[in-house]
């Protein structure tokens, strides 16, 4: 026998900390900007990011 499905979805408050939509969107945008900056540094200097930072 199948269990009945709920008819009402609870309205939960968006969490202020942790994994919420705004934080995930912001992290994704920051990662994209960082990746583009790494590509720009590599194109401008002719060497990789680690070499440019003096780590290699």
N, C-alpha and C. Protein backbone atom coordinates (compact mmCIF):
# COMPACT_ATOMS: atom_id res chain seq x y z
N UNK A 1 0.83 -1.17 0.00
CA UNK A 1 0.00 0.00 0.00
C UNK A 1 0.88 1.25 0.00
N UNK A 2 0.63 2.17 -0.90
CA UNK A 2 1.44 3.38 -1.03
C UNK A 2 1.11 4.37 0.08
N UNK A 3 2.14 5.05 0.53
CA UNK A 3 1.93 6.06 1.56
C UNK A 3 1.44 7.35 0.92
N UNK A 4 0.57 8.07 1.60
CA UNK A 4 0.07 9.34 1.03
C UNK A 4 1.18 10.40 1.00
N UNK A 5 1.15 11.23 -0.02
CA UNK A 5 2.13 12.30 -0.16
C UNK A 5 1.60 13.56 0.54
N UNK A 6 2.50 14.36 1.12
CA UNK A 6 2.04 15.60 1.76
C UNK A 6 1.48 16.57 0.72
N UNK A 7 0.52 17.35 1.15
CA UNK A 7 -0.12 18.30 0.23
C UNK A 7 0.41 19.72 0.39
N UNK A 8 1.14 19.98 1.47
CA UNK A 8 1.66 21.32 1.73
C UNK A 8 3.17 21.24 1.89
N UNK A 9 3.90 22.15 1.22
CA UNK A 9 5.35 22.22 1.38
C UNK A 9 5.67 23.22 2.48
N UNK A 10 6.49 22.84 3.45
CA UNK A 10 6.81 23.78 4.53
C UNK A 10 7.62 24.97 4.01
N UNK A 11 7.35 26.15 4.53
CA UNK A 11 8.06 27.36 4.16
C UNK A 11 9.18 27.58 5.18
N UNK A 12 10.38 27.11 4.85
CA UNK A 12 11.51 27.22 5.76
C UNK A 12 12.29 28.50 5.47
N UNK A 13 12.82 29.10 6.51
CA UNK A 13 13.61 30.33 6.35
C UNK A 13 14.97 29.97 5.75
N UNK A 14 15.48 30.85 4.89
CA UNK A 14 16.80 30.65 4.30
C UNK A 14 17.86 30.80 5.40
N UNK A 15 18.80 29.84 5.50
CA UNK A 15 19.81 29.93 6.56
C UNK A 15 20.73 31.13 6.34
N UNK A 16 21.17 31.74 7.43
CA UNK A 16 22.05 32.90 7.34
C UNK A 16 23.50 32.50 7.10
N UNK A 17 23.89 31.31 7.55
CA UNK A 17 25.25 30.82 7.40
C UNK A 17 25.22 29.47 6.71
N UNK A 18 26.38 29.07 6.16
CA UNK A 18 26.47 27.74 5.57
C UNK A 18 26.09 27.74 4.10
N UNK A 19 25.62 26.60 3.63
CA UNK A 19 25.31 26.41 2.22
C UNK A 19 23.94 26.98 1.90
N UNK A 20 23.91 28.21 1.43
CA UNK A 20 22.66 28.77 0.95
C UNK A 20 22.87 29.24 -0.48
N UNK A 21 21.82 29.61 -1.16
CA UNK A 21 21.92 29.95 -2.58
C UNK A 21 22.85 31.13 -2.83
N UNK A 22 22.77 32.15 -2.00
CA UNK A 22 23.60 33.34 -2.21
C UNK A 22 25.08 33.01 -2.06
N UNK A 23 25.44 32.25 -1.02
CA UNK A 23 26.84 31.92 -0.77
C UNK A 23 27.39 31.07 -1.91
N UNK A 24 26.63 30.12 -2.40
CA UNK A 24 27.08 29.27 -3.49
C UNK A 24 27.26 30.07 -4.78
N UNK A 25 26.36 30.99 -5.06
CA UNK A 25 26.47 31.83 -6.25
C UNK A 25 27.71 32.72 -6.15
N UNK A 26 27.94 33.31 -4.98
CA UNK A 26 29.09 34.18 -4.78
C UNK A 26 30.40 33.39 -4.92
N UNK A 27 30.47 32.19 -4.36
CA UNK A 27 31.67 31.37 -4.47
C UNK A 27 31.94 30.99 -5.92
N UNK A 28 30.90 30.67 -6.65
CA UNK A 28 31.08 30.33 -8.06
C UNK A 28 31.60 31.48 -8.87
N UNK A 29 31.07 32.66 -8.63
CA UNK A 29 31.53 33.85 -9.36
C UNK A 29 32.97 34.18 -9.00
N UNK A 30 33.34 34.06 -7.75
CA UNK A 30 34.72 34.33 -7.33
C UNK A 30 35.67 33.33 -7.98
N UNK A 31 35.27 32.07 -8.09
CA UNK A 31 36.11 31.06 -8.73
C UNK A 31 36.30 31.38 -10.21
N UNK A 32 35.24 31.83 -10.88
CA UNK A 32 35.35 32.17 -12.30
C UNK A 32 36.30 33.35 -12.51
N UNK A 33 36.20 34.36 -11.65
CA UNK A 33 37.07 35.52 -11.76
C UNK A 33 38.52 35.11 -11.50
N UNK A 34 38.75 34.28 -10.49
CA UNK A 34 40.11 33.81 -10.20
C UNK A 34 40.70 33.01 -11.34
N UNK A 35 39.89 32.17 -11.97
CA UNK A 35 40.38 31.37 -13.10
C UNK A 35 40.75 32.27 -14.27
N UNK A 36 39.90 33.26 -14.56
CA UNK A 36 40.21 34.19 -15.65
C UNK A 36 41.46 35.01 -15.36
N UNK A 37 41.64 35.41 -14.10
CA UNK A 37 42.85 36.15 -13.74
C UNK A 37 44.10 35.27 -13.90
N UNK A 38 44.00 34.00 -13.54
CA UNK A 38 45.14 33.09 -13.71
C UNK A 38 45.48 32.93 -15.19
N UNK A 39 44.46 32.82 -16.05
CA UNK A 39 44.71 32.74 -17.49
C UNK A 39 45.33 34.03 -18.02
N UNK A 40 44.86 35.17 -17.54
CA UNK A 40 45.39 36.45 -17.98
C UNK A 40 46.86 36.61 -17.56
N UNK A 41 47.19 36.21 -16.35
CA UNK A 41 48.58 36.29 -15.87
C UNK A 41 49.47 35.39 -16.72
N UNK A 42 48.98 34.19 -17.01
CA UNK A 42 49.77 33.27 -17.83
C UNK A 42 49.98 33.82 -19.23
N UNK A 43 48.95 34.43 -19.82
CA UNK A 43 49.08 34.99 -21.16
C UNK A 43 50.01 36.21 -21.17
N UNK A 44 49.94 37.03 -20.14
CA UNK A 44 50.73 38.26 -20.10
C UNK A 44 52.20 38.00 -19.81
N UNK A 45 52.49 37.03 -18.95
CA UNK A 45 53.88 36.80 -18.54
C UNK A 45 54.56 35.69 -19.30
N UNK A 46 53.79 34.81 -19.93
CA UNK A 46 54.39 33.69 -20.66
C UNK A 46 54.81 32.55 -19.78
N UNK A 47 54.47 32.61 -18.52
CA UNK A 47 54.79 31.51 -17.60
C UNK A 47 53.56 31.20 -16.76
N UNK A 48 53.56 30.03 -16.17
CA UNK A 48 52.42 29.61 -15.37
C UNK A 48 52.29 30.40 -14.08
N UNK A 49 51.13 30.25 -13.44
CA UNK A 49 50.86 31.00 -12.22
C UNK A 49 51.83 30.65 -11.09
N UNK A 50 52.16 29.38 -10.94
CA UNK A 50 53.08 28.99 -9.87
C UNK A 50 54.47 29.55 -10.11
N UNK A 51 54.91 29.58 -11.35
CA UNK A 51 56.23 30.17 -11.67
C UNK A 51 56.19 31.68 -11.44
N UNK A 52 55.08 32.32 -11.81
CA UNK A 52 54.96 33.76 -11.61
C UNK A 52 55.01 34.12 -10.13
N UNK A 53 54.44 33.25 -9.29
CA UNK A 53 54.45 33.48 -7.85
C UNK A 53 55.78 33.09 -7.21
N UNK A 54 56.67 32.46 -7.97
CA UNK A 54 57.98 32.05 -7.45
C UNK A 54 57.94 30.74 -6.70
N UNK A 55 56.92 29.92 -6.93
CA UNK A 55 56.80 28.65 -6.22
C UNK A 55 57.42 27.50 -7.00
N UNK A 56 57.80 27.75 -8.24
CA UNK A 56 58.45 26.69 -9.05
C UNK A 56 59.73 27.21 -9.62
